[in-house]
Amino acid sequence: MDIVPKIGITGLPRVGKTEGLIRVIKRLEHEYVFGGMITKGIEKGGERVGFKIIDWMTKEERLFAHVDLDSVYRVGKYKVDLKVLNEFGITAIKRAIEDKNVDIVVVDEVGKMELESRKFREVVREALECDKPALLTLHKKSRDGLLQDIRNMDNVRILEITPINRNLLPYKIEKILKEEGL
């Protein structure tokens, strides 16, 4: 059996992990079907105030975390709605794994807020074990056990996005996907 490419994009906060991932998707969408979830920042007056989850297939969005959200879960300055992740984000990832029409599974982001959910941890492992290529963005500095496991997996290539390589990295990822099994 061929090794199916799994690519983890890591980098410092706000360096452009999600933007790089979206650039890869947009470059390849005419050839492949992507599914899963994207976590996009919400800005107000130039300051990040929250995050929304986007189901890449349906383009539906839900508010996931915000400074003004009413929630008991808190990560840094953000209050987090884990129900949105568990019922909406995870559903998008599971659909991508199971849908025969989806070629590539997307998980953005395996980060501190998302790792508060046990169900999210489980679906990330499913995405890494499924027979489809997967693109994930990974929190850079977290010592969380799941992130450590991902970094140590033989079948996962970890690429760091920086201000210097962020324009070239999407091309490199495209090349890896095409050379390793798409």
C-alpha atoms as a PDB file:
ATOM      1  CA  MET A   1       0.000   0.000   0.000  1.00  0.00           C
ATOM      2  CA  ASP A   2       1.288   3.460  -0.882  1.00  0.00           C
ATOM      3  CA  ILE A   3       1.990   5.910   1.891  1.00  0.00           C
ATOM      4  CA  VAL A   4      -0.648   8.618   1.790  1.00  0.00           C
ATOM      5  CA  PRO A   5       0.810  12.082   2.391  1.00  0.00           C
ATOM      6  CA  LYS A   6      -0.090  13.767   5.663  1.00  0.00           C
ATOM      7  CA  ILE A   7       1.308  17.279   5.960  1.00  0.00           C
ATOM      8  CA  GLY A   8       1.417  19.362   9.120  1.00  0.00           C
ATOM      9  CA  ILE A   9       1.943  23.094   8.706  1.00  0.00           C
ATOM     10  CA  THR A  10       3.341  24.734  11.817  1.00  0.00           C
ATOM     11  CA  GLY A  11       4.579  28.195  12.673  1.00  0.00           C
ATOM     12  CA  LEU A  12       4.299  30.989  15.160  1.00  0.00           C
ATOM     13  CA  PRO A  13       0.888  32.570  15.841  1.00  0.00           C
ATOM     14  CA  ARG A  14      -0.267  34.941  13.078  1.00  0.00           C
ATOM     15  CA  VAL A  15       2.530  33.899  10.682  1.00  0.00           C
ATOM     16  CA  GLY A  16      -0.023  32.734   8.099  1.00  0.00           C
ATOM     17  CA  LYS A  17      -0.667  29.005   8.643  1.00  0.00           C
ATOM     18  CA  THR A  18      -4.342  29.234   7.706  1.00  0.00           C
ATOM     19  CA  GLU A  19      -3.675  31.607   4.798  1.00  0.00           C
ATOM     20  CA  GLY A  20      -0.971  29.260   3.478  1.00  0.00           C
ATOM     21  CA  LEU A  21      -3.336  26.314   3.772  1.00  0.00           C
ATOM     22  CA  ILE A  22      -6.094  28.179   1.923  1.00  0.00           C
ATOM     23  CA  ARG A  23      -3.624  29.111  -0.838  1.00  0.00           C
ATOM     24  CA  VAL A  24      -2.758  25.424  -1.308  1.00  0.00           C
ATOM     25  CA  ILE A  25      -6.455  24.518  -1.447  1.00  0.00           C
ATOM     26  CA  LYS A  26      -7.288  27.271  -3.940  1.00  0.00           C
ATOM     27  CA  ARG A  27      -4.371  26.245  -6.192  1.00  0.00           C
ATOM     28  CA  LEU A  28      -5.512  22.604  -6.243  1.00  0.00           C
ATOM     29  CA  GLU A  29      -9.316  22.912  -6.023  1.00  0.00           C
ATOM     30  CA  HIS A  30      -9.706  22.613  -9.786  1.00  0.00           C
ATOM     31  CA  GLU A  31      -8.125  19.124  -9.578  1.00  0.00           C
ATOM     32  CA  TYR A  32      -9.131  17.799  -6.157  1.00  0.00           C
ATOM     33  CA  VAL A  33     -12.048  18.011  -3.730  1.00  0.00           C
ATOM     34  CA  PHE A  34     -11.169  19.261  -0.243  1.00  0.00           C
ATOM     35  CA  GLY A  35     -13.246  18.803   2.883  1.00  0.00           C
ATOM     36  CA  GLY A  36     -12.867  19.519   6.562  1.00  0.00           C
ATOM     37  CA  MET A  37     -12.666  22.602   8.718  1.00  0.00           C
ATOM     38  CA  ILE A  38     -10.826  25.896   8.588  1.00  0.00           C
ATOM     39  CA  THR A  39     -10.470  28.111  11.669  1.00  0.00           C
ATOM     40  CA  LYS A  40     -10.315  31.751  10.597  1.00  0.00           C
ATOM     41  CA  GLY A  41      -9.487  34.742  12.766  1.00  0.00           C
ATOM     42  CA  ILE A  42     -11.984  37.541  13.320  1.00  0.00           C
ATOM     43  CA  GLU A  43     -10.499  41.029  13.486  1.00  0.00           C
ATOM     44  CA  LYS A  44     -11.948  44.279  14.751  1.00  0.00           C
ATOM     45  CA  GLY A  45      -9.989  47.488  14.395  1.00  0.00           C
ATOM     46  CA  GLY A  46      -6.830  45.574  13.482  1.00  0.00           C
ATOM     47  CA  GLU A  47      -6.993  43.409  16.602  1.00  0.00           C
ATOM     48  CA  ARG A  48      -7.920  39.718  16.690  1.00  0.00           C
ATOM     49  CA  VAL A  49     -11.080  39.297  18.752  1.00  0.00           C
ATOM     50  CA  GLY A  50     -12.127  35.757  17.903  1.00  0.00           C
ATOM     51  CA  PHE A  51     -12.292  32.796  15.551  1.00  0.00           C
ATOM     52  CA  LYS A  52     -14.908  31.185  13.368  1.00  0.00           C
ATOM     53  CA  ILE A  53     -14.988  27.646  12.029  1.00  0.00           C
ATOM     54  CA  ILE A  54     -15.745  27.195   8.333  1.00  0.00           C
ATOM     55  CA  ASP A  55     -16.909  23.884   6.875  1.00  0.00           C
ATOM     56  CA  TRP A  56     -14.839  23.913   3.681  1.00  0.00           C
ATOM     57  CA  MET A  57     -17.342  21.848   1.670  1.00  0.00           C
ATOM     58  CA  THR A  58     -20.513  23.743   2.542  1.00  0.00           C
ATOM     59  CA  LYS A  59     -18.859  27.135   3.286  1.00  0.00           C
ATOM     60  CA  GLU A  60     -21.084  27.395   6.372  1.00  0.00           C
ATOM     61  CA  GLU A  61     -19.565  29.284   9.308  1.00  0.00           C
ATOM     62  CA  ARG A  62     -20.045  29.230  13.072  1.00  0.00           C
ATOM     63  CA  LEU A  63     -18.596  31.441  15.795  1.00  0.00           C
ATOM     64  CA  PHE A  64     -16.107  29.322  17.760  1.00  0.00           C
ATOM     65  CA  ALA A  65     -14.257  31.676  20.079  1.00  0.00           C
ATOM     66  CA  HIS A  66     -14.528  35.355  20.909  1.00  0.00           C
ATOM     67  CA  VAL A  67     -13.440  37.778  23.615  1.00  0.00           C
ATOM     68  CA  ASP A  68     -17.121  38.581  24.306  1.00  0.00           C
ATOM     69  CA  LEU A  69     -18.555  35.052  24.035  1.00  0.00           C
ATOM     70  CA  ASP A  70     -20.572  33.652  26.944  1.00  0.00           C
ATOM     71  CA  SER A  71     -18.704  30.433  27.753  1.00  0.00           C
ATOM     72  CA  VAL A  72     -17.043  28.722  30.698  1.00  0.00           C
ATOM     73  CA  TYR A  73     -14.164  27.545  28.483  1.00  0.00           C
ATOM     74  CA  ARG A  74     -11.372  30.048  28.154  1.00  0.00           C
ATOM     75  CA  VAL A  75      -8.048  29.926  26.293  1.00  0.00           C
ATOM     76  CA  GLY A  76      -6.017  33.090  26.724  1.00  0.00           C
ATOM     77  CA  LYS A  77      -8.290  36.084  26.142  1.00  0.00           C
ATOM     78  CA  TYR A  78     -10.834  34.035  24.175  1.00  0.00           C
ATOM     79  CA  LYS A  79     -13.935  32.317  25.447  1.00  0.00           C
ATOM     80  CA  VAL A  80     -14.504  29.111  23.478  1.00  0.00           C
ATOM     81  CA  ASP A  81     -17.740  27.404  22.384  1.00  0.00           C
ATOM     82  CA  LEU A  82     -16.729  23.732  22.372  1.00  0.00           C
ATOM     83  CA  LYS A  83     -20.240  22.749  21.277  1.00  0.00           C
ATOM     84  CA  VAL A  84     -19.594  24.467  17.915  1.00  0.00           C
ATOM     85  CA  LEU A  85     -16.376  22.496  17.514  1.00  0.00           C
ATOM     86  CA  ASN A  86     -17.908  19.198  18.630  1.00  0.00           C
ATOM     87  CA  GLU A  87     -21.104  19.469  16.576  1.00  0.00           C
ATOM     88  CA  PHE A  88     -20.010  21.521  13.571  1.00  0.00           C
ATOM     89  CA  GLY A  89     -16.219  21.368  13.101  1.00  0.00           C
ATOM     90  CA  ILE A  90     -15.847  17.680  13.869  1.00  0.00           C
ATOM     91  CA  THR A  91     -18.814  16.879  11.615  1.00  0.00           C
ATOM     92  CA  ALA A  92     -17.047  18.668   8.744  1.00  0.00           C
ATOM     93  CA  ILE A  93     -13.865  16.640   9.304  1.00  0.00           C
ATOM     94  CA  LYS A  94     -15.733  13.321   9.639  1.00  0.00           C
ATOM     95  CA  ARG A  95     -17.668  14.037   6.445  1.00  0.00           C
ATOM     96  CA  ALA A  96     -14.382  14.708   4.623  1.00  0.00           C
ATOM     97  CA  ILE A  97     -12.919  11.416   5.884  1.00  0.00           C
ATOM     98  CA  GLU A  98     -16.007   9.372   4.942  1.00  0.00           C
ATOM     99  CA  ASP A  99     -17.215  11.063   1.726  1.00  0.00           C
ATOM    100  CA  LYS A 100     -15.903   9.141  -1.303  1.00  0.00           C
ATOM    101  CA  ASN A 101     -15.932  12.361  -3.363  1.00  0.00           C
ATOM    102  CA  VAL A 102     -13.466  14.123  -1.045  1.00  0.00           C
ATOM    103  CA  ASP A 103      -9.817  13.689  -2.030  1.00  0.00           C
ATOM    104  CA  ILE A 104      -8.032  15.630   0.748  1.00  0.00           C
ATOM    105  CA  VAL A 105      -8.965  16.106   4.419  1.00  0.00           C
ATOM    106  CA  VAL A 106      -8.277  19.512   6.005  1.00  0.00           C
ATOM    107  CA  VAL A 107      -7.926  20.141   9.759  1.00  0.00           C
ATOM    108  CA  ASP A 108      -7.183  23.745  10.718  1.00  0.00           C
ATOM    109  CA  GLU A 109      -6.056  24.033  13.496  1.00  0.00           C
ATOM    110  CA  VAL A 110      -4.761  21.484  15.984  1.00  0.00           C
ATOM    111  CA  GLY A 111      -4.270  24.176  18.600  1.00  0.00           C
ATOM    112  CA  LYS A 112      -4.882  25.007  22.240  1.00  0.00           C
ATOM    113  CA  MET A 113      -8.574  25.865  21.866  1.00  0.00           C
ATOM    114  CA  GLU A 114      -9.415  22.811  19.777  1.00  0.00           C
ATOM    115  CA  LEU A 115      -7.445  20.441  22.014  1.00  0.00           C
ATOM    116  CA  GLU A 116      -9.880  21.214  24.846  1.00  0.00           C
ATOM    117  CA  SER A 117     -12.215  18.739  23.085  1.00  0.00           C
ATOM    118  CA  ARG A 118     -11.671  14.994  23.516  1.00  0.00           C
ATOM    119  CA  LYS A 119     -13.839  14.353  20.433  1.00  0.00           C
ATOM    120  CA  PHE A 120     -11.621  16.676  18.388  1.00  0.00           C
ATOM    121  CA  ARG A 121      -8.538  14.733  19.477  1.00  0.00           C
ATOM    122  CA  GLU A 122     -10.204  11.525  18.285  1.00  0.00           C
ATOM    123  CA  VAL A 123     -11.166  12.911  14.863  1.00  0.00           C
ATOM    124  CA  VAL A 124      -7.632  14.264  14.319  1.00  0.00           C
ATOM    125  CA  ARG A 125      -6.291  10.750  14.858  1.00  0.00           C
ATOM    126  CA  GLU A 126      -8.920   9.422  12.415  1.00  0.00           C
ATOM    127  CA  ALA A 127      -7.778  11.954   9.803  1.00  0.00           C
ATOM    128  CA  LEU A 128      -4.159  10.875  10.274  1.00  0.00           C
ATOM    129  CA  GLU A 129      -5.067   7.191   9.980  1.00  0.00           C
ATOM    130  CA  CYS A 130      -7.485   7.439   7.043  1.00  0.00           C
ATOM    131  CA  ASP A 131      -6.533   6.435   3.501  1.00  0.00           C
ATOM    132  CA  LYS A 132      -6.696  10.010   2.181  1.00  0.00           C
ATOM    133  CA  PRO A 133      -4.077  12.753   2.167  1.00  0.00           C
ATOM    134  CA  ALA A 134      -4.519  15.245   4.989  1.00  0.00           C
ATOM    135  CA  LEU A 135      -3.416  18.824   5.534  1.00  0.00           C
ATOM    136  CA  LEU A 136      -3.300  20.015   9.128  1.00  0.00           C
ATOM    137  CA  THR A 137      -2.122  23.187  10.782  1.00  0.00           C
ATOM    138  CA  LEU A 138      -0.399  22.610  14.107  1.00  0.00           C
ATOM    139  CA  HIS A 139       0.248  24.833  17.088  1.00  0.00           C
ATOM    140  CA  LYS A 140       4.018  25.314  17.177  1.00  0.00           C
ATOM    141  CA  LYS A 141       4.960  25.497  20.844  1.00  0.00           C
ATOM    142  CA  SER A 142       2.384  23.319  22.592  1.00  0.00           C
ATOM    143  CA  ARG A 143       3.728  20.314  24.502  1.00  0.00           C
ATOM    144  CA  ASP A 144       0.326  18.614  24.307  1.00  0.00           C
ATOM    145  CA  GLY A 145       0.606  14.833  23.956  1.00  0.00           C
ATOM    146  CA  LEU A 146      -1.367  14.662  20.693  1.00  0.00           C
ATOM    147  CA  LEU A 147       0.796  17.326  19.060  1.00  0.00           C
ATOM    148  CA  GLN A 148       3.930  15.530  20.268  1.00  0.00           C
ATOM    149  CA  ASP A 149       2.577  12.269  18.791  1.00  0.00           C
ATOM    150  CA  ILE A 150       1.851  13.973  15.449  1.00  0.00           C
ATOM    151  CA  ARG A 151       5.350  15.463  15.333  1.00  0.00           C
ATOM    152  CA  ASN A 152       6.794  11.967  15.886  1.00  0.00           C
ATOM    153  CA  MET A 153       4.673  10.109  13.307  1.00  0.00           C
ATOM    154  CA  ASP A 154       6.630   8.624  10.411  1.00  0.00           C
ATOM    155  CA  ASN A 155       3.833   9.323   7.939  1.00  0.00           C
ATOM    156  CA  VAL A 156       3.513  13.046   8.758  1.00  0.00           C
ATOM    157  CA  ARG A 157       5.730  15.672   7.139  1.00  0.00           C
ATOM    158  CA  ILE A 158       5.976  18.795   9.296  1.00  0.00           C
ATOM    159  CA  LEU A 159       6.692  22.024   7.433  1.00  0.00           C
ATOM    160  CA  GLU A 160       7.238  25.325   9.199  1.00  0.00           C
ATOM    161  CA  ILE A 161       5.818  28.465   7.665  1.00  0.00           C
ATOM    162  CA  THR A 162       7.794  31.657   8.294  1.00  0.00           C
ATOM    163  CA  PRO A 163       7.574  35.227   6.984  1.00  0.00           C
ATOM    164  CA  ILE A 164      10.443  34.337   4.634  1.00  0.00           C
ATOM    165  CA  ASN A 165       8.995  31.137   3.093  1.00  0.00           C
ATOM    166  CA  ARG A 166       5.262  31.766   3.376  1.00  0.00           C
ATOM    167  CA  ASN A 167       4.908  32.623  -0.323  1.00  0.00           C
ATOM    168  CA  LEU A 168       6.853  29.544  -1.468  1.00  0.00           C
ATOM    169  CA  LEU A 169       5.486  26.977   1.001  1.00  0.00           C
ATOM    170  CA  PRO A 170       2.118  26.471  -0.758  1.00  0.00           C
ATOM    171  CA  TYR A 171       4.021  25.447  -3.917  1.00  0.00           C
ATOM    172  CA  LYS A 172       6.185  23.036  -1.929  1.00  0.00           C
ATOM    173  CA  ILE A 173       3.091  21.453  -0.353  1.00  0.00           C
ATOM    174  CA  GLU A 174       1.461  21.104  -3.767  1.00  0.00           C
ATOM    175  CA  LYS A 175       4.602  19.372  -5.056  1.00  0.00           C
ATOM    176  CA  ILE A 176       4.677  16.959  -2.092  1.00  0.00           C
ATOM    177  CA  LEU A 177       1.002  16.065  -2.548  1.00  0.00           C
ATOM    178  CA  LYS A 178       1.443  15.387  -6.250  1.00  0.00           C
ATOM    179  CA  GLU A 179       4.691  13.436  -5.863  1.00  0.00           C
ATOM    180  CA  GLU A 180       3.530  11.327  -2.937  1.00  0.00           C
ATOM    181  CA  GLY A 181       0.285   9.915  -4.006  1.00  0.00           C
ATOM    182  CA  LEU A 182      -2.341  12.200  -5.485  1.00  0.00           C
END
